[in-house]
């Protein structure tokens, strides 16, 4: 009989055993309690399971990932349940932040050109057209870069993925794919010049470190971040951008694979013309 009882591998098993032992023990000691206290104890025996079930369903609703054992994550379906697609509001917020970063870079680049616009109306029209073009290139760069990664790695990347840690911190990735024991995350950034602002990549690298540390406590899966720098300027030297990025990346304890490509090359590869 005992040989049929396996090792406890799942938190759900621990909860079930705890509840069973608590109820059996409570019922066993009931006759030995003073009659004056038995009424109170009976109420405890009735309410405790209700409380336990309530806490269980709250956990299941708000943080179901903690109910999986580390061994459960060896099953790809179970592991992918830890991730979910970001909501429309979350995607909009992420897009806004990244677009503003790129727009600031472009604005500093075109400061002199903007100043030369004598007429305020022409200036506003110029800025509006520039921002529209920048936004179109921003979304195009992300889409084509994810396609290129999927093709090169032979992986099916899920886009706009969110992961929530046990401390309820949300980490977002432009793309995510699972290949055996390796998790491939993708982050796409559009650059307009050779200068690489640390603020544009610090958050990404810090979150990659956090993700790597979280996975160590959950399973032995390897986490790889594919940082794709898409250059939207034919005058920029891609090698210089890559060298600067490597310097920043080396400061962090994260497994990062750099990809530097021009937007023009991506368009040509996929025969895309606006």
C-alpha atoms as a PDB file:
ATOM      1  CA  UNK A   1       0.000   0.000   0.000  1.00  0.00           C
ATOM      2  CA  UNK A   2       2.742   2.427   0.992  1.00  0.00           C
ATOM      3  CA  UNK A   3       4.578   1.712  -2.270  1.00  0.00           C
ATOM      4  CA  UNK A   4       1.661   3.254  -4.176  1.00  0.00           C
ATOM      5  CA  UNK A   5       2.080   6.575  -2.376  1.00  0.00           C
ATOM      6  CA  UNK A   6       4.420   8.736  -4.407  1.00  0.00           C
ATOM      7  CA  UNK A   7       6.441  11.749  -3.358  1.00  0.00           C
ATOM      8  CA  UNK A   8       4.580  14.960  -2.740  1.00  0.00           C
ATOM      9  CA  UNK A   9       5.384  17.110  -5.787  1.00  0.00           C
ATOM     10  CA  UNK A  10       2.545  19.590  -5.952  1.00  0.00           C
ATOM     11  CA  UNK A  11       1.339  22.363  -3.599  1.00  0.00           C
ATOM     12  CA  UNK A  12      -2.231  21.161  -4.130  1.00  0.00           C
ATOM     13  CA  UNK A  13      -1.281  17.824  -2.577  1.00  0.00           C
ATOM     14  CA  UNK A  14       0.163  19.612   0.446  1.00  0.00           C
ATOM     15  CA  UNK A  15      -3.048  21.621   0.870  1.00  0.00           C
ATOM     16  CA  UNK A  16      -5.218  18.494   0.600  1.00  0.00           C
ATOM     17  CA  UNK A  17      -3.113  16.549   3.126  1.00  0.00           C
ATOM     18  CA  UNK A  18      -3.061  19.486   5.533  1.00  0.00           C
ATOM     19  CA  UNK A  19      -6.839  19.910   5.362  1.00  0.00           C
ATOM     20  CA  UNK A  20      -7.460  16.174   5.852  1.00  0.00           C
ATOM     21  CA  UNK A  21      -5.092  15.914   8.833  1.00  0.00           C
ATOM     22  CA  UNK A  22      -6.596  19.038  10.428  1.00  0.00           C
ATOM     23  CA  UNK A  23     -10.142  17.745  10.138  1.00  0.00           C
ATOM     24  CA  UNK A  24      -9.337  14.179  11.269  1.00  0.00           C
ATOM     25  CA  UNK A  25      -7.271  15.407  14.202  1.00  0.00           C
ATOM     26  CA  UNK A  26      -9.917  17.915  15.168  1.00  0.00           C
ATOM     27  CA  UNK A  27     -12.674  15.315  15.151  1.00  0.00           C
ATOM     28  CA  UNK A  28     -10.538  12.835  17.107  1.00  0.00           C
ATOM     29  CA  UNK A  29      -9.819  15.197  19.992  1.00  0.00           C
ATOM     30  CA  UNK A  30     -13.391  16.526  20.209  1.00  0.00           C
ATOM     31  CA  UNK A  31     -14.569  13.986  22.873  1.00  0.00           C
ATOM     32  CA  UNK A  32     -11.641  14.932  25.109  1.00  0.00           C
ATOM     33  CA  UNK A  33     -12.496  18.613  25.226  1.00  0.00           C
ATOM     34  CA  UNK A  34     -14.388  20.078  28.143  1.00  0.00           C
ATOM     35  CA  UNK A  35     -18.164  20.155  27.426  1.00  0.00           C
ATOM     36  CA  UNK A  36     -18.209  23.926  27.933  1.00  0.00           C
ATOM     37  CA  UNK A  37     -15.705  24.389  25.072  1.00  0.00           C
ATOM     38  CA  UNK A  38     -17.056  21.767  22.701  1.00  0.00           C
ATOM     39  CA  UNK A  39     -19.631  24.128  21.139  1.00  0.00           C
ATOM     40  CA  UNK A  40     -16.927  26.660  20.229  1.00  0.00           C
ATOM     41  CA  UNK A  41     -14.688  23.898  18.916  1.00  0.00           C
ATOM     42  CA  UNK A  42     -17.460  22.480  16.718  1.00  0.00           C
ATOM     43  CA  UNK A  43     -17.892  25.927  15.157  1.00  0.00           C
ATOM     44  CA  UNK A  44     -14.164  25.970  14.438  1.00  0.00           C
ATOM     45  CA  UNK A  45     -14.360  22.546  12.752  1.00  0.00           C
ATOM     46  CA  UNK A  46     -17.200  23.798  10.545  1.00  0.00           C
ATOM     47  CA  UNK A  47     -15.752  27.195   9.646  1.00  0.00           C
ATOM     48  CA  UNK A  48     -12.122  26.206   9.140  1.00  0.00           C
ATOM     49  CA  UNK A  49     -12.758  24.200   5.923  1.00  0.00           C
ATOM     50  CA  UNK A  50     -14.842  27.084   4.564  1.00  0.00           C
ATOM     51  CA  UNK A  51     -11.998  29.501   5.287  1.00  0.00           C
ATOM     52  CA  UNK A  52      -9.465  27.135   3.724  1.00  0.00           C
ATOM     53  CA  UNK A  53     -11.548  26.702   0.567  1.00  0.00           C
ATOM     54  CA  UNK A  54     -12.069  30.468   0.338  1.00  0.00           C
ATOM     55  CA  UNK A  55      -8.320  31.163   0.561  1.00  0.00           C
ATOM     56  CA  UNK A  56      -7.661  28.453  -1.998  1.00  0.00           C
ATOM     57  CA  UNK A  57     -10.039  29.942  -4.570  1.00  0.00           C
ATOM     58  CA  UNK A  58      -8.701  33.451  -3.962  1.00  0.00           C
ATOM     59  CA  UNK A  59      -5.208  32.126  -4.665  1.00  0.00           C
ATOM     60  CA  UNK A  60      -6.479  30.269  -7.706  1.00  0.00           C
ATOM     61  CA  UNK A  61      -8.064  33.453  -9.031  1.00  0.00           C
ATOM     62  CA  UNK A  62      -5.309  35.988  -8.343  1.00  0.00           C
ATOM     63  CA  UNK A  63      -2.059  33.988  -8.306  1.00  0.00           C
ATOM     64  CA  UNK A  64      -2.676  30.508  -9.706  1.00  0.00           C
ATOM     65  CA  UNK A  65       0.994  30.099 -10.714  1.00  0.00           C
ATOM     66  CA  UNK A  66       2.033  29.280  -7.126  1.00  0.00           C
ATOM     67  CA  UNK A  67      -0.138  26.155  -7.232  1.00  0.00           C
ATOM     68  CA  UNK A  68       2.199  24.555  -9.772  1.00  0.00           C
ATOM     69  CA  UNK A  69       5.179  22.517  -8.628  1.00  0.00           C
ATOM     70  CA  UNK A  70       8.560  23.143 -10.323  1.00  0.00           C
ATOM     71  CA  UNK A  71       8.277  19.771 -12.053  1.00  0.00           C
ATOM     72  CA  UNK A  72       4.954  20.822 -13.582  1.00  0.00           C
ATOM     73  CA  UNK A  73       6.733  23.479 -15.624  1.00  0.00           C
ATOM     74  CA  UNK A  74       8.531  20.791 -17.593  1.00  0.00           C
ATOM     75  CA  UNK A  75       5.223  20.481 -19.378  1.00  0.00           C
ATOM     76  CA  UNK A  76       5.172  23.316 -21.928  1.00  0.00           C
ATOM     77  CA  UNK A  77       1.405  23.823 -21.614  1.00  0.00           C
ATOM     78  CA  UNK A  78       1.638  24.291 -17.841  1.00  0.00           C
ATOM     79  CA  UNK A  79       4.561  26.665 -18.153  1.00  0.00           C
ATOM     80  CA  UNK A  80       2.911  28.860 -20.754  1.00  0.00           C
ATOM     81  CA  UNK A  81      -0.015  29.344 -18.388  1.00  0.00           C
ATOM     82  CA  UNK A  82       2.360  31.542 -16.374  1.00  0.00           C
ATOM     83  CA  UNK A  83       2.262  33.996 -19.239  1.00  0.00           C
ATOM     84  CA  UNK A  84      -0.693  35.847 -20.647  1.00  0.00           C
ATOM     85  CA  UNK A  85      -1.306  38.364 -23.377  1.00  0.00           C
ATOM     86  CA  UNK A  86      -1.126  41.940 -22.168  1.00  0.00           C
ATOM     87  CA  UNK A  87      -4.451  43.757 -22.035  1.00  0.00           C
ATOM     88  CA  UNK A  88      -5.285  46.473 -24.543  1.00  0.00           C
ATOM     89  CA  UNK A  89      -4.617  49.139 -21.908  1.00  0.00           C
ATOM     90  CA  UNK A  90      -1.261  47.598 -20.979  1.00  0.00           C
ATOM     91  CA  UNK A  91      -0.203  47.343 -24.625  1.00  0.00           C
ATOM     92  CA  UNK A  92      -1.228  50.938 -25.230  1.00  0.00           C
ATOM     93  CA  UNK A  93       0.812  52.122 -22.246  1.00  0.00           C
ATOM     94  CA  UNK A  94       3.885  50.180 -23.356  1.00  0.00           C
ATOM     95  CA  UNK A  95       3.573  51.463 -26.922  1.00  0.00           C
ATOM     96  CA  UNK A  96       3.218  55.025 -25.656  1.00  0.00           C
ATOM     97  CA  UNK A  97       6.352  54.794 -23.523  1.00  0.00           C
ATOM     98  CA  UNK A  98       8.444  53.303 -26.320  1.00  0.00           C
ATOM     99  CA  UNK A  99       7.119  55.742 -28.909  1.00  0.00           C
ATOM    100  CA  UNK A 100       7.904  58.694 -26.643  1.00  0.00           C
ATOM    101  CA  UNK A 101      11.459  57.404 -26.192  1.00  0.00           C
ATOM    102  CA  UNK A 102      11.948  57.194 -29.950  1.00  0.00           C
ATOM    103  CA  UNK A 103      10.232  60.548 -30.512  1.00  0.00           C
ATOM    104  CA  UNK A 104      12.558  62.290 -28.040  1.00  0.00           C
ATOM    105  CA  UNK A 105      15.546  60.900 -29.900  1.00  0.00           C
ATOM    106  CA  UNK A 106      14.124  62.070 -33.214  1.00  0.00           C
ATOM    107  CA  UNK A 107      13.208  65.468 -31.821  1.00  0.00           C
ATOM    108  CA  UNK A 108      16.752  66.159 -30.644  1.00  0.00           C
ATOM    109  CA  UNK A 109      17.989  65.035 -34.043  1.00  0.00           C
ATOM    110  CA  UNK A 110      15.701  67.456 -35.892  1.00  0.00           C
ATOM    111  CA  UNK A 111      15.918  70.443 -33.537  1.00  0.00           C
ATOM    112  CA  UNK A 112      17.840  72.540 -36.023  1.00  0.00           C
ATOM    113  CA  UNK A 113      15.507  71.653 -38.848  1.00  0.00           C
ATOM    114  CA  UNK A 114      12.455  72.541 -36.783  1.00  0.00           C
ATOM    115  CA  UNK A 115      13.897  75.905 -35.843  1.00  0.00           C
ATOM    116  CA  UNK A 116      14.266  76.791 -39.514  1.00  0.00           C
ATOM    117  CA  UNK A 117      10.476  76.642 -39.953  1.00  0.00           C
ATOM    118  CA  UNK A 118       9.502  80.276 -39.726  1.00  0.00           C
ATOM    119  CA  UNK A 119       5.791  79.763 -39.887  1.00  0.00           C
ATOM    120  CA  UNK A 120       4.232  78.140 -36.806  1.00  0.00           C
ATOM    121  CA  UNK A 121       1.580  76.414 -38.888  1.00  0.00           C
ATOM    122  CA  UNK A 122       4.184  74.825 -41.115  1.00  0.00           C
ATOM    123  CA  UNK A 123       6.134  73.759 -38.027  1.00  0.00           C
ATOM    124  CA  UNK A 124       3.123  72.026 -36.469  1.00  0.00           C
ATOM    125  CA  UNK A 125       2.299  70.313 -39.744  1.00  0.00           C
ATOM    126  CA  UNK A 126       5.911  69.167 -40.048  1.00  0.00           C
ATOM    127  CA  UNK A 127       5.896  67.702 -36.523  1.00  0.00           C
ATOM    128  CA  UNK A 128       2.584  65.949 -37.113  1.00  0.00           C
ATOM    129  CA  UNK A 129       3.782  64.345 -40.338  1.00  0.00           C
ATOM    130  CA  UNK A 130       7.065  63.340 -38.727  1.00  0.00           C
ATOM    131  CA  UNK A 131       5.329  61.718 -35.760  1.00  0.00           C
ATOM    132  CA  UNK A 132       2.928  59.856 -38.042  1.00  0.00           C
ATOM    133  CA  UNK A 133       5.826  58.482 -40.059  1.00  0.00           C
ATOM    134  CA  UNK A 134       7.727  57.604 -36.882  1.00  0.00           C
ATOM    135  CA  UNK A 135       4.748  55.732 -35.454  1.00  0.00           C
ATOM    136  CA  UNK A 136       4.302  53.768 -38.664  1.00  0.00           C
ATOM    137  CA  UNK A 137       7.990  52.824 -38.668  1.00  0.00           C
ATOM    138  CA  UNK A 138       7.820  51.913 -34.981  1.00  0.00           C
ATOM    139  CA  UNK A 139       5.056  49.347 -35.460  1.00  0.00           C
ATOM    140  CA  UNK A 140       6.549  48.097 -38.700  1.00  0.00           C
ATOM    141  CA  UNK A 141       9.951  47.553 -37.070  1.00  0.00           C
ATOM    142  CA  UNK A 142       8.419  45.482 -34.268  1.00  0.00           C
ATOM    143  CA  UNK A 143       6.361  43.326 -36.621  1.00  0.00           C
ATOM    144  CA  UNK A 144       9.169  42.625 -39.098  1.00  0.00           C
ATOM    145  CA  UNK A 145      11.777  42.034 -36.376  1.00  0.00           C
ATOM    146  CA  UNK A 146       9.567  39.432 -34.678  1.00  0.00           C
ATOM    147  CA  UNK A 147       9.016  37.750 -38.046  1.00  0.00           C
ATOM    148  CA  UNK A 148      12.760  37.678 -38.674  1.00  0.00           C
ATOM    149  CA  UNK A 149      13.478  36.140 -35.261  1.00  0.00           C
ATOM    150  CA  UNK A 150      10.770  33.526 -35.769  1.00  0.00           C
ATOM    151  CA  UNK A 151      12.252  32.600 -39.121  1.00  0.00           C
ATOM    152  CA  UNK A 152      15.886  32.472 -37.949  1.00  0.00           C
ATOM    153  CA  UNK A 153      15.171  30.520 -34.754  1.00  0.00           C
ATOM    154  CA  UNK A 154      12.331  28.393 -36.173  1.00  0.00           C
ATOM    155  CA  UNK A 155      10.127  29.420 -33.273  1.00  0.00           C
ATOM    156  CA  UNK A 156       6.577  30.672 -33.009  1.00  0.00           C
ATOM    157  CA  UNK A 157       6.755  33.876 -30.972  1.00  0.00           C
ATOM    158  CA  UNK A 158       3.682  34.986 -29.080  1.00  0.00           C
ATOM    159  CA  UNK A 159       3.471  38.781 -29.185  1.00  0.00           C
ATOM    160  CA  UNK A 160       2.784  41.314 -26.418  1.00  0.00           C
ATOM    161  CA  UNK A 161       3.252  38.857 -23.563  1.00  0.00           C
ATOM    162  CA  UNK A 162       2.964  39.632 -19.868  1.00  0.00           C
ATOM    163  CA  UNK A 163       4.445  37.734 -16.928  1.00  0.00           C
ATOM    164  CA  UNK A 164       3.461  38.458 -13.338  1.00  0.00           C
ATOM    165  CA  UNK A 165       5.851  37.541 -10.524  1.00  0.00           C
ATOM    166  CA  UNK A 166       4.789  36.281  -7.111  1.00  0.00           C
ATOM    167  CA  UNK A 167       5.194  39.853  -5.835  1.00  0.00           C
ATOM    168  CA  UNK A 168       2.652  40.979  -8.506  1.00  0.00           C
ATOM    169  CA  UNK A 169       5.235  42.818 -10.578  1.00  0.00           C
ATOM    170  CA  UNK A 170       4.334  42.723 -14.254  1.00  0.00           C
ATOM    171  CA  UNK A 171       7.040  42.163 -16.867  1.00  0.00           C
ATOM    172  CA  UNK A 172       6.242  42.736 -20.546  1.00  0.00           C
ATOM    173  CA  UNK A 173       7.941  41.376 -23.641  1.00  0.00           C
ATOM    174  CA  UNK A 174       7.307  42.140 -27.301  1.00  0.00           C
ATOM    175  CA  UNK A 175       7.563  38.431 -28.028  1.00  0.00           C
ATOM    176  CA  UNK A 176       8.069  35.120 -26.243  1.00  0.00           C
ATOM    177  CA  UNK A 177       8.647  31.527 -27.370  1.00  0.00           C
ATOM    178  CA  UNK A 178       9.528  28.277 -25.643  1.00  0.00           C
ATOM    179  CA  UNK A 179      12.055  25.850 -27.088  1.00  0.00           C
ATOM    180  CA  UNK A 180      12.523  22.840 -24.785  1.00  0.00           C
ATOM    181  CA  UNK A 181      14.217  24.134 -21.641  1.00  0.00           C
ATOM    182  CA  UNK A 182      14.983  27.541 -23.154  1.00  0.00           C
ATOM    183  CA  UNK A 183      12.695  30.553 -22.961  1.00  0.00           C
ATOM    184  CA  UNK A 184      13.251  33.067 -25.745  1.00  0.00           C
ATOM    185  CA  UNK A 185      12.001  36.594 -25.067  1.00  0.00           C
ATOM    186  CA  UNK A 186      12.218  39.407 -27.608  1.00  0.00           C
ATOM    187  CA  UNK A 187      12.383  43.151 -27.125  1.00  0.00           C
ATOM    188  CA  UNK A 188      12.404  45.460 -30.137  1.00  0.00           C
ATOM    189  CA  UNK A 189      13.737  49.038 -30.059  1.00  0.00           C
ATOM    190  CA  UNK A 190      13.761  51.562 -32.891  1.00  0.00           C
ATOM    191  CA  UNK A 191      16.788  53.886 -33.055  1.00  0.00           C
ATOM    192  CA  UNK A 192      17.343  56.936 -35.218  1.00  0.00           C
ATOM    193  CA  UNK A 193      21.045  57.635 -34.513  1.00  0.00           C
ATOM    194  CA  UNK A 194      24.216  56.055 -33.177  1.00  0.00           C
ATOM    195  CA  UNK A 195      23.731  57.396 -29.659  1.00  0.00           C
ATOM    196  CA  UNK A 196      22.252  54.755 -27.373  1.00  0.00           C
ATOM    197  CA  UNK A 197      20.544  56.186 -24.322  1.00  0.00           C
ATOM    198  CA  UNK A 198      21.032  53.926 -21.256  1.00  0.00           C
ATOM    199  CA  UNK A 199      17.504  54.724 -20.096  1.00  0.00           C
ATOM    200  CA  UNK A 200      16.107  52.967 -23.179  1.00  0.00           C
ATOM    201  CA  UNK A 201      17.672  49.624 -22.335  1.00  0.00           C
ATOM    202  CA  UNK A 202      18.223  49.689 -18.544  1.00  0.00           C
ATOM    203  CA  UNK A 203      14.631  48.741 -17.744  1.00  0.00           C
ATOM    204  CA  UNK A 204      14.698  45.878 -20.250  1.00  0.00           C
ATOM    205  CA  UNK A 205      17.927  44.439 -18.836  1.00  0.00           C
ATOM    206  CA  UNK A 206      16.816  44.818 -15.224  1.00  0.00           C
ATOM    207  CA  UNK A 207      13.581  42.985 -15.950  1.00  0.00           C
ATOM    208  CA  UNK A 208      15.565  40.254 -17.717  1.00  0.00           C
ATOM    209  CA  UNK A 209      17.682  39.824 -14.587  1.00  0.00           C
ATOM    210  CA  UNK A 210      14.508  39.617 -12.505  1.00  0.00           C
ATOM    211  CA  UNK A 211      13.012  37.059 -14.867  1.00  0.00           C
ATOM    212  CA  UNK A 212      16.176  34.963 -14.817  1.00  0.00           C
ATOM    213  CA  UNK A 213      16.231  34.953 -11.002  1.00  0.00           C
ATOM    214  CA  UNK A 214      12.553  34.065 -10.800  1.00  0.00           C
ATOM    215  CA  UNK A 215      12.989  31.086 -13.104  1.00  0.00           C
ATOM    216  CA  UNK A 216      15.867  29.755 -11.005  1.00  0.00           C
ATOM    217  CA  UNK A 217      13.482  29.318  -8.100  1.00  0.00           C
ATOM    218  CA  UNK A 218      10.792  27.808 -10.301  1.00  0.00           C
ATOM    219  CA  UNK A 219      12.601  25.515 -12.705  1.00  0.00           C
ATOM    220  CA  UNK A 220      15.896  24.982 -14.473  1.00  0.00           C
ATOM    221  CA  UNK A 221      14.807  26.663 -17.687  1.00  0.00           C
ATOM    222  CA  UNK A 222      17.280  28.983 -19.371  1.00  0.00           C
ATOM    223  CA  UNK A 223      16.102  32.508 -20.108  1.00  0.00           C
ATOM    224  CA  UNK A 224      17.421  34.268 -23.215  1.00  0.00           C
ATOM    225  CA  UNK A 225      16.580  37.838 -24.156  1.00  0.00           C
ATOM    226  CA  UNK A 226      16.822  38.751 -27.826  1.00  0.00           C
ATOM    227  CA  UNK A 227      17.378  42.515 -27.914  1.00  0.00           C
ATOM    228  CA  UNK A 228      16.720  43.707 -31.460  1.00  0.00           C
ATOM    229  CA  UNK A 229      17.896  47.212 -32.347  1.00  0.00           C
ATOM    230  CA  UNK A 230      16.235  48.370 -35.563  1.00  0.00           C
ATOM    231  CA  UNK A 231      18.024  51.367 -37.098  1.00  0.00           C
ATOM    232  CA  UNK A 232      15.834  53.759 -39.054  1.00  0.00           C
ATOM    233  CA  UNK A 233      18.599  55.881 -40.544  1.00  0.00           C
ATOM    234  CA  UNK A 234      20.774  54.882 -43.520  1.00  0.00           C
ATOM    235  CA  UNK A 235      23.639  57.095 -42.287  1.00  0.00           C
ATOM    236  CA  UNK A 236      24.059  55.216 -39.000  1.00  0.00           C
ATOM    237  CA  UNK A 237      26.909  52.703 -38.712  1.00  0.00           C
ATOM    238  CA  UNK A 238      25.324  49.483 -37.409  1.00  0.00           C
ATOM    239  CA  UNK A 239      28.631  48.242 -35.996  1.00  0.00           C
ATOM    240  CA  UNK A 240      28.995  51.313 -33.768  1.00  0.00           C
ATOM    241  CA  UNK A 241      25.488  50.814 -32.399  1.00  0.00           C
ATOM    242  CA  UNK A 242      26.250  47.159 -31.692  1.00  0.00           C
ATOM    243  CA  UNK A 243      29.498  48.048 -29.901  1.00  0.00           C
ATOM    244  CA  UNK A 244      27.714  50.543 -27.651  1.00  0.00           C
ATOM    245  CA  UNK A 245      24.963  48.067 -26.871  1.00  0.00           C
ATOM    246  CA  UNK A 246      27.486  45.364 -25.961  1.00  0.00           C
ATOM    247  CA  UNK A 247      29.087  47.688 -23.407  1.00  0.00           C
ATOM    248  CA  UNK A 248      25.763  48.282 -21.683  1.00  0.00           C
ATOM    249  CA  UNK A 249      24.707  44.647 -21.803  1.00  0.00           C
ATOM    250  CA  UNK A 250      27.969  43.439 -20.228  1.00  0.00           C
ATOM    251  CA  UNK A 251      27.092  45.273 -17.006  1.00  0.00           C
ATOM    252  CA  UNK A 252      24.094  43.045 -16.322  1.00  0.00           C
ATOM    253  CA  UNK A 253      23.719  39.449 -15.266  1.00  0.00           C
ATOM    254  CA  UNK A 254      21.416  38.560 -18.111  1.00  0.00           C
ATOM    255  CA  UNK A 255      21.737  36.244 -21.087  1.00  0.00           C
ATOM    256  CA  UNK A 256      21.256  38.708 -23.939  1.00  0.00           C
ATOM    257  CA  UNK A 257      21.657  38.100 -27.647  1.00  0.00           C
ATOM    258  CA  UNK A 258      22.008  41.302 -29.626  1.00  0.00           C
ATOM    259  CA  UNK A 259      20.550  41.735 -33.093  1.00  0.00           C
ATOM    260  CA  UNK A 260      21.247  44.994 -34.949  1.00  0.00           C
ATOM    261  CA  UNK A 261      19.496  45.454 -38.272  1.00  0.00           C
ATOM    262  CA  UNK A 262      18.372  48.371 -40.391  1.00  0.00           C
ATOM    263  CA  UNK A 263      14.707  48.985 -41.087  1.00  0.00           C
ATOM    264  CA  UNK A 264      15.548  49.231 -44.789  1.00  0.00           C
ATOM    265  CA  UNK A 265      17.012  45.709 -44.752  1.00  0.00           C
ATOM    266  CA  UNK A 266      13.928  44.368 -43.001  1.00  0.00           C
ATOM    267  CA  UNK A 267      11.709  45.971 -45.605  1.00  0.00           C
ATOM    268  CA  UNK A 268      13.777  44.527 -48.422  1.00  0.00           C
ATOM    269  CA  UNK A 269      13.788  41.066 -46.860  1.00  0.00           C
ATOM    270  CA  UNK A 270      10.020  40.974 -46.670  1.00  0.00           C
ATOM    271  CA  UNK A 271       9.494  42.997 -49.860  1.00  0.00           C
ATOM    272  CA  UNK A 272       7.595  45.631 -47.907  1.00  0.00           C
ATOM    273  CA  UNK A 273       7.118  49.095 -49.382  1.00  0.00           C
ATOM    274  CA  UNK A 274       4.986  51.796 -47.794  1.00  0.00           C
END
